[in-house]
Amino acid sequence: MLGDKGTKVAVISLGCAKNLADMEGVLAGINPELQLVPYPDAEIVFLNTCGFLKEARDEVYENLKMLTKKKVIFMGCLAGTIDKSFFEKYPQVCAIVSSANYLNIDEIFQEVLKGEKVFAVSPEPTDFEVLPGKQLLTSQSYAYVKIAEGCDNSCSYCLIPKLKGKYRSRKKEQILQEVEALVNFGVKEIILVAQDCGYYGVDLYGEMKLAELLEEITSINGDFWVRVLYVYPERINDELLKVLNDSKKICKYLDIPLQHGDRSILKKMKRVSDVAKIKENIKNIREKVPGIVLRTSFIVGFPGETEKEFLNLAEFVSDIEFDHVGVFKYSKEKGTAAYDLKGDVTQVNKDERFNQLMILQQKISLRKNRELEGKVVQVLVDHFDPEKKMYIGRSMRFSPEVDGEILIKSEKKLESNQFYKVKVMEGKEYDLIGKSV
């Protein structure tokens, strides 16, 4: 547990929710009592890194420059790609720890306290390694639960298989135990994360088991939501859709990483390239789960992307009308299959296409949010904002940190980490304004 006494530590966790879930397990694996403080007040800073894109790596080095007077424990995806010479370049780094060594974090931490330099970088394990506990770094209203590690996909732009190894599912019993503990602690939203949640179970049980896992999670007693992130479209079958539709606990929400809407670019990306089939699958999802909220992500500026192919992507976005869209500018990553592809897109064109797609999606999001005006929705309150003098919460349609929020006016006091009925008064591009009822 993190208490008021003990070594003062800070956490800077970069990248995705999977990284944050790892960090929570690492903190729980340190035996001495720790005091979690803002980084300027800390003796030791855990820098949990992302190595997925150049932009993410740049953020890591910006943080290292900021932490020159601290002891830094360097963790995360990027840790597995560097060698001992890193200590000389960045003397503030006291330990370099790849995820394969997280189970040894207590011993590593003790060495750092003694003033030692620790290099703990090893190949990724072949099985899912369960950390000994969880120290929440999110608000109590939600928590990320990691159900798998690594990836077996071969997307041409992606470094994840090299960084994190092959896909390895976590045993179902371990997941259920963590979820039950979180629900008993009072967490109201359980968010399942993996690089590809839909592939869960194939390595352990010989078939996809996400639907079965969800059914067992929802049988746990308690008033809580379950949300699933990162389900590749080819993994979404009628069994999964039936579970999503039938359960009142599961958020009718799917994050489906599609990456593009042009057949030729998808083929170069080594993704499902039959755009007509993708549209048919999305239509099936909406028919089987009425009212489902769909989020996706796209990459603009992939090598060889012409103006026509970008316009095909824009047309795809217009046709489907996703509820939420994330857009990334292609980053040339050494070690990926796409690294040697010809036809680099200029940064100017990447920026223009990024802006065009975001503006297009803003219009779609604004219209969809305005359609909610006058409706009453269930909202999980996260906190009160004293500057806005409003409560901040989310309905099932908003995943924390990546989607919008509901700003709530209320004459009565609302408790954080509790569900309330809220009437939507105004829809904006990303957020909603509501009033408690």
Protein backbone atom coordinates (compact mmCIF):
# COMPACT_ATOMS: atom_id res chain seq x y z
CA MET A 1 0.00 0.00 0.00
CA LEU A 2 1.11 3.57 -0.61
CA GLY A 3 1.04 5.43 2.66
CA ASP A 4 2.05 8.75 4.22
CA LYS A 5 5.44 7.43 5.33
CA GLY A 6 8.32 5.73 3.59
CA THR A 7 10.27 6.52 0.46
CA LYS A 8 8.76 9.33 -1.59
CA VAL A 9 8.12 8.08 -5.11
CA ALA A 10 6.44 9.48 -8.19
CA VAL A 11 5.05 7.74 -11.25
CA ILE A 12 5.12 9.06 -14.80
CA SER A 13 3.33 6.47 -16.92
CA LEU A 14 3.37 7.14 -20.65
CA GLY A 15 1.59 5.36 -23.46
CA CYS A 16 -1.42 3.09 -23.25
CA ALA A 17 -3.66 1.75 -20.51
CA LYS A 18 -1.82 -1.59 -20.65
CA ASN A 19 1.31 0.22 -19.51
CA LEU A 20 -0.57 1.81 -16.64
CA ALA A 21 -1.94 -1.57 -15.53
CA ASP A 22 1.64 -2.90 -15.43
CA MET A 23 2.74 0.06 -13.31
CA GLU A 24 -0.02 -0.60 -10.79
CA GLY A 25 1.21 -4.16 -10.41
CA VAL A 26 4.83 -3.05 -10.05
CA LEU A 27 3.99 -0.69 -7.18
CA ALA A 28 2.13 -3.47 -5.42
CA GLY A 29 5.24 -5.66 -5.64
CA ILE A 30 7.41 -3.36 -3.54
CA ASN A 31 7.39 -4.34 0.13
CA PRO A 32 8.55 -1.20 1.95
CA GLU A 33 5.87 1.39 2.49
CA LEU A 34 5.96 4.05 -0.24
CA GLN A 35 4.62 7.58 -0.29
CA LEU A 36 3.24 8.61 -3.67
CA VAL A 37 3.94 12.29 -4.34
CA PRO A 38 4.19 14.68 -7.34
CA TYR A 39 7.48 14.18 -9.17
CA PRO A 40 9.14 17.44 -7.94
CA ASP A 41 8.86 16.12 -4.35
CA ALA A 42 9.96 12.56 -5.08
CA GLU A 43 13.23 10.83 -4.26
CA ILE A 44 12.67 8.17 -6.91
CA VAL A 45 10.63 8.45 -10.11
CA PHE A 46 9.26 5.46 -12.00
CA LEU A 47 9.33 6.45 -15.68
CA ASN A 48 7.08 3.97 -17.49
CA THR A 49 7.88 4.35 -21.18
CA CYS A 50 6.19 3.77 -24.53
CA GLY A 51 8.27 2.86 -27.58
CA PHE A 52 5.48 2.45 -30.10
CA LEU A 53 6.08 5.62 -32.14
CA LYS A 54 8.80 8.25 -32.50
CA GLU A 55 6.47 10.79 -30.93
CA ALA A 56 6.13 8.54 -27.88
CA ARG A 57 9.89 8.05 -27.63
CA ASP A 58 10.44 11.80 -27.90
CA GLU A 59 8.14 12.23 -24.92
CA VAL A 60 10.28 9.78 -22.93
CA TYR A 61 13.45 11.78 -23.56
CA GLU A 62 11.70 15.05 -22.75
CA ASN A 63 10.79 13.58 -19.37
CA LEU A 64 14.35 12.37 -18.80
CA LYS A 65 15.61 15.93 -19.31
CA MET A 66 13.10 17.10 -16.73
CA LEU A 67 14.27 14.48 -14.21
CA THR A 68 18.02 15.20 -14.16
CA LYS A 69 18.03 15.70 -10.37
CA LYS A 70 16.03 12.58 -9.54
CA LYS A 71 16.73 8.87 -9.30
CA VAL A 72 14.90 7.32 -12.21
CA ILE A 73 13.73 3.73 -12.57
CA PHE A 74 13.31 3.34 -16.34
CA MET A 75 10.57 0.85 -17.30
CA GLY A 76 8.10 -0.02 -20.02
CA CYS A 77 8.33 -0.91 -23.70
CA LEU A 78 11.40 1.17 -24.44
CA ALA A 79 13.41 -0.41 -21.61
CA GLY A 80 13.77 -3.66 -23.53
CA THR A 81 15.44 -1.93 -26.48
CA ILE A 82 18.40 -0.20 -24.78
CA ASP A 83 21.75 -1.31 -23.35
CA LYS A 84 23.98 -0.46 -20.39
CA SER A 85 25.53 2.54 -22.15
CA PHE A 86 22.25 4.32 -21.38
CA PHE A 87 23.50 4.80 -17.80
CA GLU A 88 26.41 6.92 -19.03
CA LYS A 89 24.23 9.10 -21.23
CA TYR A 90 21.56 9.55 -18.57
CA PRO A 91 23.23 9.33 -15.13
CA GLN A 92 19.92 10.02 -13.38
CA VAL A 93 18.76 6.55 -14.48
CA CYS A 94 19.45 4.11 -11.64
CA ALA A 95 17.65 1.07 -13.00
CA ILE A 96 16.56 -0.15 -16.42
CA VAL A 97 13.82 -2.75 -16.05
CA SER A 98 12.06 -4.55 -18.89
CA SER A 99 8.67 -6.13 -18.22
CA ALA A 100 10.22 -9.60 -18.03
CA ASN A 101 11.77 -8.51 -14.71
CA TYR A 102 8.80 -6.84 -13.05
CA LEU A 103 8.42 -9.76 -10.65
CA ASN A 104 11.86 -8.84 -9.28
CA ILE A 105 10.95 -5.19 -8.69
CA ASP A 106 11.25 -5.35 -4.90
CA GLU A 107 14.85 -6.58 -5.08
CA ILE A 108 15.65 -4.01 -7.78
CA PHE A 109 14.12 -1.22 -5.71
CA GLN A 110 16.22 -2.19 -2.69
CA GLU A 111 19.39 -2.00 -4.80
CA VAL A 112 18.42 1.46 -6.03
CA LEU A 113 17.91 2.60 -2.43
CA LYS A 114 21.49 1.45 -1.71
CA GLY A 115 22.79 3.59 -4.57
CA GLU A 116 23.38 0.72 -6.99
CA LYS A 117 22.80 0.76 -10.75
CA VAL A 118 20.62 -2.11 -11.92
CA PHE A 119 20.33 -3.38 -15.49
CA ALA A 120 17.44 -5.85 -15.62
CA VAL A 121 16.62 -6.40 -19.29
CA SER A 122 15.59 -9.87 -20.49
CA PRO A 123 13.61 -11.41 -23.34
CA GLU A 124 9.86 -11.49 -22.92
CA PRO A 125 8.55 -14.63 -21.16
CA THR A 126 6.52 -17.26 -23.00
CA ASP A 127 3.64 -17.17 -20.50
CA PHE A 128 1.62 -14.33 -19.00
CA GLU A 129 3.34 -13.33 -15.77
CA VAL A 130 0.96 -12.20 -13.03
CA LEU A 131 2.16 -9.39 -10.80
CA PRO A 132 1.50 -9.85 -7.06
CA GLY A 133 -1.19 -7.20 -6.63
CA LYS A 134 -2.50 -3.84 -7.79
CA GLN A 135 -2.04 -0.32 -6.48
CA LEU A 136 -4.59 1.82 -8.28
CA LEU A 137 -3.24 4.89 -10.08
CA THR A 138 -6.61 5.78 -11.60
CA SER A 139 -9.51 7.30 -9.70
CA GLN A 140 -11.46 4.67 -7.82
CA SER A 141 -14.28 4.88 -10.35
CA TYR A 142 -12.47 2.75 -12.94
CA ALA A 143 -9.58 0.30 -13.26
CA TYR A 144 -7.77 -1.39 -16.14
CA VAL A 145 -7.45 -5.16 -16.04
CA LYS A 146 -4.91 -6.71 -18.38
CA ILE A 147 -6.12 -9.99 -19.90
CA ALA A 148 -3.22 -10.72 -22.26
CA GLU A 149 0.24 -9.56 -23.30
CA GLY A 150 2.03 -9.44 -26.64
CA CYS A 151 0.64 -9.81 -30.14
CA ASP A 152 0.56 -12.46 -32.90
CA ASN A 153 -0.59 -10.06 -35.63
CA SER A 154 1.90 -8.95 -38.27
CA CYS A 155 0.77 -5.40 -39.08
CA SER A 156 3.51 -3.89 -41.21
CA TYR A 157 3.70 -0.57 -39.31
CA CYS A 158 3.78 -1.98 -35.78
CA LEU A 159 6.66 -2.70 -33.38
CA ILE A 160 4.56 -4.30 -30.65
CA PRO A 161 5.35 -7.96 -31.49
CA LYS A 162 9.07 -7.12 -31.36
CA LEU A 163 8.72 -5.13 -28.14
CA LYS A 164 6.28 -7.36 -26.27
CA GLY A 165 6.62 -10.81 -27.80
CA LYS A 166 4.01 -13.32 -28.85
CA TYR A 167 0.43 -13.22 -27.63
CA ARG A 168 -0.05 -14.87 -24.25
CA SER A 169 -3.37 -14.93 -22.45
CA ARG A 170 -3.79 -14.59 -18.72
CA LYS A 171 -5.57 -17.47 -17.00
CA LYS A 172 -9.25 -16.82 -16.60
CA GLU A 173 -9.22 -17.58 -12.87
CA GLN A 174 -6.58 -14.90 -12.27
CA ILE A 175 -8.60 -12.30 -14.17
CA LEU A 176 -11.78 -13.12 -12.26
CA GLN A 177 -9.94 -12.91 -8.96
CA GLU A 178 -8.60 -9.43 -9.79
CA VAL A 179 -11.98 -8.18 -11.00
CA GLU A 180 -13.74 -9.44 -7.88
CA ALA A 181 -11.16 -7.76 -5.65
CA LEU A 182 -11.58 -4.47 -7.51
CA VAL A 183 -15.37 -4.63 -7.31
CA ASN A 184 -15.18 -5.38 -3.59
CA PHE A 185 -12.84 -2.40 -3.22
CA GLY A 186 -15.53 -0.22 -4.77
CA VAL A 187 -14.39 0.19 -8.38
CA LYS A 188 -17.40 0.83 -10.62
CA GLU A 189 -15.95 0.29 -14.08
CA ILE A 190 -13.71 -2.61 -15.09
CA ILE A 191 -11.89 -2.02 -18.38
CA LEU A 192 -10.38 -5.09 -20.05
CA VAL A 193 -7.22 -4.33 -22.03
CA ALA A 194 -4.81 -6.26 -24.25
CA GLN A 195 -3.21 -5.61 -27.60
CA ASP A 196 -6.05 -7.65 -29.13
CA CYS A 197 -8.75 -8.54 -26.58
CA GLY A 198 -10.74 -10.50 -29.13
CA TYR A 199 -7.91 -13.06 -29.46
CA TYR A 200 -8.07 -13.84 -25.75
CA GLY A 201 -7.79 -17.53 -24.90
CA VAL A 202 -6.56 -18.95 -28.21
CA ASP A 203 -3.13 -19.87 -26.83
CA LEU A 204 -4.45 -21.25 -23.52
CA TYR A 205 -7.75 -22.83 -24.49
CA GLY A 206 -7.48 -23.39 -28.24
CA GLU A 207 -10.25 -20.93 -29.14
CA MET A 208 -11.34 -17.35 -28.54
CA LYS A 209 -12.81 -17.05 -25.06
CA LEU A 210 -13.61 -13.35 -24.67
CA ALA A 211 -17.38 -13.90 -24.72
CA GLU A 212 -17.12 -16.60 -22.07
CA LEU A 213 -14.82 -14.45 -19.94
CA LEU A 214 -17.28 -11.55 -20.10
CA GLU A 215 -20.15 -13.80 -19.02
CA GLU A 216 -18.21 -14.97 -15.99
CA ILE A 217 -17.16 -11.44 -15.06
CA THR A 218 -20.73 -10.20 -15.17
CA SER A 219 -21.78 -13.02 -12.82
CA ILE A 220 -19.69 -11.39 -10.06
CA ASN A 221 -21.93 -9.70 -7.51
CA GLY A 222 -21.91 -5.92 -7.48
CA ASP A 223 -23.07 -2.81 -9.27
CA PHE A 224 -20.43 -2.18 -11.92
CA TRP A 225 -19.74 -1.78 -15.63
CA VAL A 226 -17.43 -3.82 -17.83
CA ARG A 227 -15.82 -2.25 -20.89
CA VAL A 228 -13.70 -3.95 -23.57
CA LEU A 229 -11.00 -2.10 -25.50
CA TYR A 230 -9.07 -3.10 -28.63
CA VAL A 231 -11.02 -5.84 -30.40
CA TYR A 232 -9.83 -6.47 -33.96
CA PRO A 233 -12.76 -6.65 -36.42
CA GLU A 234 -12.02 -10.22 -37.50
CA ARG A 235 -12.46 -11.38 -33.87
CA ILE A 236 -16.00 -10.03 -33.49
CA ASN A 237 -18.44 -12.92 -33.86
CA ASP A 238 -22.14 -13.36 -33.09
CA GLU A 239 -21.37 -15.06 -29.78
CA LEU A 240 -19.53 -11.97 -28.54
CA LEU A 241 -22.24 -9.66 -29.85
CA LYS A 242 -24.95 -11.65 -28.06
CA VAL A 243 -23.12 -11.29 -24.74
CA LEU A 244 -22.67 -7.54 -25.33
CA ASN A 245 -26.35 -7.13 -26.15
CA ASP A 246 -27.79 -9.28 -23.37
CA SER A 247 -25.84 -8.01 -20.38
CA LYS A 248 -26.78 -4.84 -18.51
CA LYS A 249 -23.32 -4.67 -16.96
CA ILE A 250 -21.31 -4.68 -20.20
CA CYS A 251 -20.91 -1.30 -21.88
CA LYS A 252 -22.35 -1.41 -25.37
CA TYR A 253 -19.08 -0.07 -26.67
CA LEU A 254 -16.33 -1.49 -28.86
CA ASP A 255 -12.93 -0.07 -29.75
CA ILE A 256 -12.17 -1.59 -33.17
CA PRO A 257 -8.73 -0.57 -34.53
CA LEU A 258 -9.22 -0.40 -38.32
CA GLN A 259 -6.28 1.88 -39.33
CA HIS A 260 -7.55 2.80 -42.82
CA GLY A 261 -10.46 2.70 -45.23
CA ASP A 262 -8.68 2.13 -48.54
CA ARG A 263 -8.15 -1.42 -49.79
CA SER A 264 -4.65 -0.94 -51.19
CA ILE A 265 -3.32 0.82 -48.08
CA LEU A 266 -4.87 -1.81 -45.81
CA LYS A 267 -3.16 -4.49 -47.89
CA LYS A 268 0.22 -2.74 -47.45
CA MET A 269 -0.51 -2.52 -43.74
CA LYS A 270 -1.14 -6.29 -43.69
CA ARG A 271 -4.60 -5.71 -42.28
CA VAL A 272 -8.00 -7.01 -43.37
CA SER A 273 -8.29 -5.24 -46.72
CA ASP A 274 -11.83 -6.07 -47.85
CA VAL A 275 -13.49 -2.72 -47.13
CA ALA A 276 -16.92 -3.99 -48.22
CA LYS A 277 -16.60 -6.84 -45.72
CA ILE A 278 -15.59 -4.43 -42.96
CA LYS A 279 -18.68 -2.32 -43.67
CA GLU A 280 -20.83 -5.47 -43.63
CA ASN A 281 -19.35 -6.48 -40.26
CA ILE A 282 -20.04 -3.06 -38.77
CA LYS A 283 -23.61 -3.20 -40.04
CA ASN A 284 -23.97 -6.61 -38.38
CA ILE A 285 -22.57 -5.26 -35.10
CA ARG A 286 -25.10 -2.42 -35.08
CA GLU A 287 -27.96 -4.76 -35.93
CA LYS A 288 -27.05 -7.30 -33.24
CA VAL A 289 -26.32 -4.66 -30.57
CA PRO A 290 -28.68 -1.70 -31.13
CA GLY A 291 -27.25 1.56 -29.85
CA ILE A 292 -23.68 0.28 -29.62
CA VAL A 293 -20.96 2.95 -29.52
CA LEU A 294 -18.06 2.36 -31.90
CA ARG A 295 -14.58 3.80 -31.56
CA THR A 296 -11.73 3.27 -34.01
CA SER A 297 -8.30 4.61 -34.94
CA PHE A 298 -6.74 5.50 -38.27
CA ILE A 299 -3.25 6.19 -39.61
CA VAL A 300 -2.73 8.93 -42.18
CA GLY A 301 0.39 9.35 -44.29
CA PHE A 302 1.26 5.66 -44.66
CA PRO A 303 3.95 5.14 -47.36
CA GLY A 304 2.42 5.43 -50.80
CA GLU A 305 -0.84 6.95 -49.58
CA THR A 306 -2.06 9.10 -52.47
CA GLU A 307 -4.64 11.85 -52.26
CA LYS A 308 -7.18 9.47 -53.78
CA GLU A 309 -6.49 6.81 -51.16
CA PHE A 310 -6.82 9.37 -48.38
CA LEU A 311 -10.14 10.53 -49.84
CA ASN A 312 -11.26 6.89 -49.78
CA LEU A 313 -10.48 6.88 -46.06
CA ALA A 314 -12.42 10.12 -45.54
CA GLU A 315 -15.36 8.67 -47.46
CA PHE A 316 -15.19 5.54 -45.29
CA VAL A 317 -15.35 7.66 -42.13
CA SER A 318 -18.32 9.60 -43.53
CA ASP A 319 -20.15 6.42 -44.48
CA ILE A 320 -19.68 4.58 -41.19
CA GLU A 321 -20.12 7.57 -38.84
CA PHE A 322 -18.12 6.26 -35.90
CA ASP A 323 -18.89 7.72 -32.49
CA HIS A 324 -15.23 8.28 -31.61
CA VAL A 325 -12.14 8.35 -33.82
CA GLY A 326 -8.45 8.64 -33.00
CA VAL A 327 -6.06 9.69 -35.78
CA PHE A 328 -2.30 9.08 -35.88
CA LYS A 329 0.30 10.34 -38.31
CA TYR A 330 2.39 7.48 -39.70
CA SER A 331 5.75 7.09 -38.00
CA LYS A 332 8.55 5.27 -39.82
CA GLU A 333 9.74 2.59 -37.37
CA LYS A 334 12.96 0.66 -37.92
CA GLY A 335 12.33 -3.05 -37.54
CA THR A 336 8.84 -3.00 -39.04
CA ALA A 337 7.94 -4.42 -42.45
CA ALA A 338 6.80 -0.98 -43.63
CA TYR A 339 10.15 0.66 -42.87
CA ASP A 340 11.55 0.06 -46.37
CA LEU A 341 8.36 0.87 -48.27
CA LYS A 342 8.75 3.61 -50.86
CA GLY A 343 6.54 6.63 -51.28
CA ASP A 344 7.06 8.58 -48.06
CA VAL A 345 4.33 11.16 -47.47
CA THR A 346 5.59 14.63 -46.55
CA GLN A 347 5.00 15.94 -43.05
CA VAL A 348 2.95 18.78 -44.51
CA ASN A 349 0.60 16.31 -46.19
CA LYS A 350 0.39 14.20 -43.03
CA ASP A 351 -0.58 17.28 -41.03
CA GLU A 352 -3.17 18.35 -43.60
CA ARG A 353 -4.75 14.91 -43.77
CA PHE A 354 -4.77 14.61 -39.98
CA ASN A 355 -6.59 17.95 -39.69
CA GLN A 356 -9.07 17.11 -42.44
CA LEU A 357 -10.00 13.81 -40.83
CA MET A 358 -10.33 15.33 -37.37
CA ILE A 359 -12.57 18.13 -38.64
CA LEU A 360 -14.71 15.58 -40.48
CA GLN A 361 -15.07 13.48 -37.34
CA GLN A 362 -15.82 16.54 -35.18
CA LYS A 363 -18.87 17.24 -37.33
CA ILE A 364 -20.04 13.65 -36.98
CA SER A 365 -19.44 13.63 -33.21
CA LEU A 366 -21.24 16.96 -32.77
CA ARG A 367 -24.31 15.69 -34.61
CA LYS A 368 -24.37 12.44 -32.66
CA ASN A 369 -23.99 14.25 -29.33
CA ARG A 370 -26.77 16.70 -30.21
CA GLU A 371 -29.06 13.74 -30.91
CA LEU A 372 -28.70 12.87 -27.22
CA GLU A 373 -30.13 16.19 -26.04
CA GLY A 374 -33.18 15.66 -23.86
CA LYS A 375 -32.34 12.01 -23.11
CA VAL A 376 -31.69 10.66 -19.62
CA VAL A 377 -28.57 8.51 -19.28
CA GLN A 378 -26.82 6.67 -16.49
CA VAL A 379 -23.60 8.43 -15.52
CA LEU A 380 -20.66 7.38 -13.38
CA VAL A 381 -19.38 10.47 -11.54
CA ASP A 382 -15.58 10.74 -11.42
CA HIS A 383 -15.04 13.98 -9.51
CA PHE A 384 -16.13 17.58 -8.88
CA ASP A 385 -14.38 20.36 -10.82
CA PRO A 386 -14.18 23.42 -8.52
CA GLU A 387 -13.26 25.78 -11.38
CA LYS A 388 -16.18 24.79 -13.58
CA LYS A 389 -18.37 24.22 -10.51
CA MET A 390 -19.66 21.10 -12.18
CA TYR A 391 -19.36 17.38 -11.63
CA ILE A 392 -17.43 15.38 -14.22
CA GLY A 393 -18.65 11.96 -15.23
CA ARG A 394 -19.08 9.52 -18.08
CA SER A 395 -21.87 7.46 -19.55
CA MET A 396 -21.29 4.05 -21.13
CA ARG A 397 -20.48 5.80 -24.41
CA PHE A 398 -17.31 7.40 -23.03
CA SER A 399 -14.15 5.47 -22.19
CA PRO A 400 -11.90 7.36 -19.74
CA GLU A 401 -8.94 9.37 -21.03
CA VAL A 402 -9.67 8.87 -24.75
CA ASP A 403 -13.30 9.96 -25.22
CA GLY A 404 -15.41 12.84 -23.98
CA GLU A 405 -17.03 13.54 -20.62
CA ILE A 406 -20.36 14.66 -19.23
CA LEU A 407 -20.26 17.93 -17.31
CA ILE A 408 -23.06 17.81 -14.78
CA LYS A 409 -24.94 20.62 -13.10
CA SER A 410 -26.58 19.57 -9.86
CA GLU A 411 -28.36 21.36 -7.02
CA LYS A 412 -27.66 18.41 -4.73
CA LYS A 413 -24.29 16.97 -3.81
CA LEU A 414 -23.18 14.04 -5.96
CA GLU A 415 -20.74 11.47 -4.64
CA SER A 416 -17.71 10.48 -6.69
CA ASN A 417 -17.62 6.87 -7.85
CA GLN A 418 -21.40 6.53 -7.86
CA PHE A 419 -24.02 6.15 -10.60
CA TYR A 420 -26.64 8.84 -11.22
CA LYS A 421 -29.32 9.63 -13.76
CA VAL A 422 -28.45 12.70 -15.83
CA LYS A 423 -30.50 14.52 -18.46
CA VAL A 424 -28.43 15.66 -21.44
CA MET A 425 -29.00 19.39 -21.97
CA GLU A 426 -26.41 20.14 -24.66
CA GLY A 427 -24.16 18.16 -26.98
CA LYS A 428 -20.77 19.55 -28.02
CA GLU A 429 -18.09 18.17 -30.36
CA TYR A 430 -16.71 15.83 -27.73
CA ASP A 431 -18.46 16.47 -24.41
CA LEU A 432 -22.00 16.63 -23.13
CA ILE A 433 -23.57 19.09 -20.69
CA GLY A 434 -26.14 17.55 -18.38
CA LYS A 435 -28.28 18.07 -15.30
CA SER A 436 -28.84 15.52 -12.54
CA VAL A 437 -32.42 14.29 -12.22
